[in-house]
Amino acid sequence: MTDTFDPNLREAPSPLSETLGFDMTDWSEGYARVEAPIAPHLMNRQGLPHGGVYAAILDTAMGFCGCFTGDPKIKQNALTLSMTVNYLARATGTHLVAEARVTGGGRSTFFAKGEVRDDTGTLIAEATGVFKLRSRK
């Protein structure tokens, strides 16, 4: 977690994020970072993190990057309309770090780009996505 991340803005993780071990470690206007340990339950039959884990952590980070309100009483949600993931390397570290940024959009949709690296700095996967904003709660 960064020194600028207000812990009061942290939302409880979804059941899926909790199961996968995802932890939001930074969140601000147009930006989100989600981290996860590389754990045995995330591995595929080759002993590598499953590609779906990379897609899920990227989807989570990109979805959050466009939903920041700055007020813990106002929750903004989004639905993923489309997402493309490019797998570039295999993880050799012990931890995944996904960062995402809003790249454009309008009143009801936004575009985002994300990347996931392991703790050695290796770029593992990149993604782009389109997200539909839902009514604020």
C-alpha atoms as a PDB file:
ATOM      1  CA  MET A   1       0.000   0.000   0.000  1.00  0.00           C
ATOM      2  CA  THR A   2       1.334   3.457  -0.810  1.00  0.00           C
ATOM      3  CA  ASP A   3       1.550   6.302   1.670  1.00  0.00           C
ATOM      4  CA  THR A   4      -1.058   8.240  -0.343  1.00  0.00           C
ATOM      5  CA  PHE A   5      -3.684   5.467  -0.382  1.00  0.00           C
ATOM      6  CA  ASP A   6      -6.447   6.355   2.074  1.00  0.00           C
ATOM      7  CA  PRO A   7      -7.431   3.100   3.844  1.00  0.00           C
ATOM      8  CA  ASN A   8     -10.940   4.517   4.379  1.00  0.00           C
ATOM      9  CA  LEU A   9     -11.518   4.205   0.623  1.00  0.00           C
ATOM     10  CA  ARG A  10     -10.754   0.470   0.625  1.00  0.00           C
ATOM     11  CA  GLU A  11     -13.760  -1.664  -0.251  1.00  0.00           C
ATOM     12  CA  ALA A  12     -14.273  -5.167   1.061  1.00  0.00           C
ATOM     13  CA  PRO A  13     -13.044  -7.649  -1.564  1.00  0.00           C
ATOM     14  CA  SER A  14     -15.577  -9.570  -3.621  1.00  0.00           C
ATOM     15  CA  PRO A  15     -15.838 -13.278  -2.791  1.00  0.00           C
ATOM     16  CA  LEU A  16     -13.827 -14.107  -5.942  1.00  0.00           C
ATOM     17  CA  SER A  17     -11.090 -11.591  -5.135  1.00  0.00           C
ATOM     18  CA  GLU A  18     -10.908 -12.903  -1.589  1.00  0.00           C
ATOM     19  CA  THR A  19     -10.629 -16.507  -2.795  1.00  0.00           C
ATOM     20  CA  LEU A  20      -7.867 -15.599  -5.254  1.00  0.00           C
ATOM     21  CA  GLY A  21      -6.014 -13.517  -2.650  1.00  0.00           C
ATOM     22  CA  PHE A  22      -6.335 -10.162  -4.428  1.00  0.00           C
ATOM     23  CA  ASP A  23      -5.579  -7.041  -2.394  1.00  0.00           C
ATOM     24  CA  MET A  24      -6.102  -3.468  -3.601  1.00  0.00           C
ATOM     25  CA  THR A  25      -2.958  -1.587  -2.636  1.00  0.00           C
ATOM     26  CA  ASP A  26      -3.544   1.748  -4.378  1.00  0.00           C
ATOM     27  CA  TRP A  27      -6.542   3.541  -5.840  1.00  0.00           C
ATOM     28  CA  SER A  28      -6.997   7.079  -7.079  1.00  0.00           C
ATOM     29  CA  GLU A  29      -8.701   8.970  -9.892  1.00  0.00           C
ATOM     30  CA  GLY A  30      -8.082   6.967 -13.085  1.00  0.00           C
ATOM     31  CA  TYR A  31      -5.693   4.477 -11.433  1.00  0.00           C
ATOM     32  CA  ALA A  32      -5.783   1.224  -9.459  1.00  0.00           C
ATOM     33  CA  ARG A  33      -3.241  -1.331  -8.287  1.00  0.00           C
ATOM     34  CA  VAL A  34      -4.182  -4.861  -7.186  1.00  0.00           C
ATOM     35  CA  GLU A  35      -1.690  -7.399  -5.834  1.00  0.00           C
ATOM     36  CA  ALA A  36      -1.759 -11.107  -5.067  1.00  0.00           C
ATOM     37  CA  PRO A  37       0.673 -13.729  -3.836  1.00  0.00           C
ATOM     38  CA  ILE A  38       1.434 -16.547  -6.251  1.00  0.00           C
ATOM     39  CA  ALA A  39      -0.110 -19.408  -4.289  1.00  0.00           C
ATOM     40  CA  PRO A  40      -0.573 -23.133  -4.985  1.00  0.00           C
ATOM     41  CA  HIS A  41      -4.329 -22.801  -5.581  1.00  0.00           C
ATOM     42  CA  LEU A  42      -3.665 -20.416  -8.512  1.00  0.00           C
ATOM     43  CA  MET A  43      -1.545 -22.869 -10.491  1.00  0.00           C
ATOM     44  CA  ASN A  44      -2.404 -24.729 -13.670  1.00  0.00           C
ATOM     45  CA  ARG A  45      -1.336 -28.295 -14.380  1.00  0.00           C
ATOM     46  CA  GLN A  46       2.103 -27.079 -15.511  1.00  0.00           C
ATOM     47  CA  GLY A  47       2.739 -25.538 -12.095  1.00  0.00           C
ATOM     48  CA  LEU A  48       2.393 -21.981 -13.439  1.00  0.00           C
ATOM     49  CA  PRO A  49      -0.227 -19.402 -12.474  1.00  0.00           C
ATOM     50  CA  HIS A  50      -3.299 -20.048 -14.626  1.00  0.00           C
ATOM     51  CA  GLY A  51      -3.868 -17.515 -17.407  1.00  0.00           C
ATOM     52  CA  GLY A  52      -7.318 -16.882 -15.964  1.00  0.00           C
ATOM     53  CA  VAL A  53      -5.690 -15.508 -12.818  1.00  0.00           C
ATOM     54  CA  TYR A  54      -3.881 -12.884 -14.889  1.00  0.00           C
ATOM     55  CA  ALA A  55      -7.119 -12.048 -16.707  1.00  0.00           C
ATOM     56  CA  ALA A  56      -9.010 -11.797 -13.414  1.00  0.00           C
ATOM     57  CA  ILE A  57      -6.473  -9.535 -11.704  1.00  0.00           C
ATOM     58  CA  LEU A  58      -6.295  -7.305 -14.796  1.00  0.00           C
ATOM     59  CA  ASP A  59     -10.096  -7.150 -15.027  1.00  0.00           C
ATOM     60  CA  THR A  60     -10.277  -6.246 -11.342  1.00  0.00           C
ATOM     61  CA  ALA A  61      -7.667  -3.480 -11.565  1.00  0.00           C
ATOM     62  CA  MET A  62      -9.077  -2.042 -14.806  1.00  0.00           C
ATOM     63  CA  GLY A  63     -12.623  -2.095 -13.448  1.00  0.00           C
ATOM     64  CA  PHE A  64     -11.596  -0.263 -10.288  1.00  0.00           C
ATOM     65  CA  CYS A  65      -9.468   2.353 -12.073  1.00  0.00           C
ATOM     66  CA  GLY A  66     -12.594   3.911 -13.596  1.00  0.00           C
ATOM     67  CA  CYS A  67     -14.747   3.716 -10.460  1.00  0.00           C
ATOM     68  CA  PHE A  68     -12.903   5.949  -7.998  1.00  0.00           C
ATOM     69  CA  THR A  69     -15.212   8.467  -6.280  1.00  0.00           C
ATOM     70  CA  GLY A  70     -12.977   9.674  -3.445  1.00  0.00           C
ATOM     71  CA  ASP A  71     -15.891   9.227  -1.013  1.00  0.00           C
ATOM     72  CA  PRO A  72     -16.290   5.904   0.840  1.00  0.00           C
ATOM     73  CA  LYS A  73     -20.043   6.568   1.119  1.00  0.00           C
ATOM     74  CA  ILE A  74     -20.453   6.732  -2.666  1.00  0.00           C
ATOM     75  CA  LYS A  75     -19.738   3.451  -4.448  1.00  0.00           C
ATOM     76  CA  GLN A  76     -19.353   3.348  -8.237  1.00  0.00           C
ATOM     77  CA  ASN A  77     -19.552  -0.006 -10.029  1.00  0.00           C
ATOM     78  CA  ALA A  78     -18.789  -1.011 -13.598  1.00  0.00           C
ATOM     79  CA  LEU A  79     -19.412  -3.973 -15.859  1.00  0.00           C
ATOM     80  CA  THR A  80     -16.800  -5.303 -18.239  1.00  0.00           C
ATOM     81  CA  LEU A  81     -18.063  -5.004 -21.813  1.00  0.00           C
ATOM     82  CA  SER A  82     -14.936  -6.335 -23.508  1.00  0.00           C
ATOM     83  CA  MET A  83     -11.394  -7.204 -22.588  1.00  0.00           C
ATOM     84  CA  THR A  84      -8.367  -8.366 -24.544  1.00  0.00           C
ATOM     85  CA  VAL A  85      -5.421  -9.966 -22.763  1.00  0.00           C
ATOM     86  CA  ASN A  86      -1.987 -10.555 -24.259  1.00  0.00           C
ATOM     87  CA  TYR A  87       0.188 -13.049 -22.393  1.00  0.00           C
ATOM     88  CA  LEU A  88       3.853 -12.120 -22.698  1.00  0.00           C
ATOM     89  CA  ALA A  89       5.940 -14.115 -20.212  1.00  0.00           C
ATOM     90  CA  ARG A  90       5.684 -16.514 -17.326  1.00  0.00           C
ATOM     91  CA  ALA A  91       5.949 -15.435 -13.733  1.00  0.00           C
ATOM     92  CA  THR A  92       9.137 -16.358 -11.914  1.00  0.00           C
ATOM     93  CA  GLY A  93       8.547 -14.357  -8.750  1.00  0.00           C
ATOM     94  CA  THR A  94       6.311 -14.913  -5.742  1.00  0.00           C
ATOM     95  CA  HIS A  95       3.864 -12.022  -6.107  1.00  0.00           C
ATOM     96  CA  LEU A  96       1.715 -10.441  -8.858  1.00  0.00           C
ATOM     97  CA  VAL A  97       1.167  -6.697  -9.231  1.00  0.00           C
ATOM     98  CA  ALA A  98      -1.506  -5.406 -11.628  1.00  0.00           C
ATOM     99  CA  GLU A  99      -1.711  -1.707 -12.442  1.00  0.00           C
ATOM    100  CA  ALA A 100      -4.437  -0.111 -14.541  1.00  0.00           C
ATOM    101  CA  ARG A 101      -5.208   3.343 -15.883  1.00  0.00           C
ATOM    102  CA  VAL A 102      -8.200   4.930 -17.580  1.00  0.00           C
ATOM    103  CA  THR A 103      -7.314   5.826 -21.164  1.00  0.00           C
ATOM    104  CA  GLY A 104     -10.561   7.493 -22.265  1.00  0.00           C
ATOM    105  CA  GLY A 105     -14.311   7.299 -22.286  1.00  0.00           C
ATOM    106  CA  GLY A 106     -17.406   9.331 -21.636  1.00  0.00           C
ATOM    107  CA  ARG A 107     -20.317   9.599 -19.208  1.00  0.00           C
ATOM    108  CA  SER A 108     -21.341   5.953 -19.232  1.00  0.00           C
ATOM    109  CA  THR A 109     -18.315   3.990 -20.471  1.00  0.00           C
ATOM    110  CA  PHE A 110     -14.583   4.116 -19.997  1.00  0.00           C
ATOM    111  CA  PHE A 111     -11.550   2.529 -21.605  1.00  0.00           C
ATOM    112  CA  ALA A 112      -8.670   1.143 -19.566  1.00  0.00           C
ATOM    113  CA  LYS A 113      -5.247  -0.372 -20.043  1.00  0.00           C
ATOM    114  CA  GLY A 114      -3.558  -2.634 -17.543  1.00  0.00           C
ATOM    115  CA  GLU A 115      -0.451  -4.680 -17.025  1.00  0.00           C
ATOM    116  CA  VAL A 116       0.544  -7.373 -14.573  1.00  0.00           C
ATOM    117  CA  ARG A 117       4.128  -7.950 -13.476  1.00  0.00           C
ATOM    118  CA  ASP A 118       5.644 -10.286 -10.958  1.00  0.00           C
ATOM    119  CA  ASP A 119       7.763  -9.010  -8.092  1.00  0.00           C
ATOM    120  CA  THR A 120      10.935  -9.446 -10.182  1.00  0.00           C
ATOM    121  CA  GLY A 121       9.562  -6.780 -12.559  1.00  0.00           C
ATOM    122  CA  THR A 122       8.858  -9.172 -15.432  1.00  0.00           C
ATOM    123  CA  LEU A 123       5.935  -8.014 -17.561  1.00  0.00           C
ATOM    124  CA  ILE A 124       3.617 -11.035 -17.591  1.00  0.00           C
ATOM    125  CA  ALA A 125       0.499  -9.799 -19.398  1.00  0.00           C
ATOM    126  CA  GLU A 126      -1.146  -6.652 -20.754  1.00  0.00           C
ATOM    127  CA  ALA A 127      -4.821  -5.939 -21.302  1.00  0.00           C
ATOM    128  CA  THR A 128      -7.218  -3.363 -22.628  1.00  0.00           C
ATOM    129  CA  GLY A 129     -10.882  -3.169 -21.806  1.00  0.00           C
ATOM    130  CA  VAL A 130     -14.150  -1.307 -22.183  1.00  0.00           C
ATOM    131  CA  PHE A 131     -16.314  -0.844 -19.091  1.00  0.00           C
ATOM    132  CA  LYS A 132     -19.887   0.332 -18.547  1.00  0.00           C
ATOM    133  CA  LEU A 133     -20.471   2.505 -15.498  1.00  0.00           C
ATOM    134  CA  ARG A 134     -23.484   1.523 -13.403  1.00  0.00           C
ATOM    135  CA  SER A 135     -25.610   3.715 -11.159  1.00  0.00           C
ATOM    136  CA  ARG A 136     -23.800   4.955  -8.071  1.00  0.00           C
ATOM    137  CA  LYS A 137     -24.858   3.570  -4.715  1.00  0.00           C
END
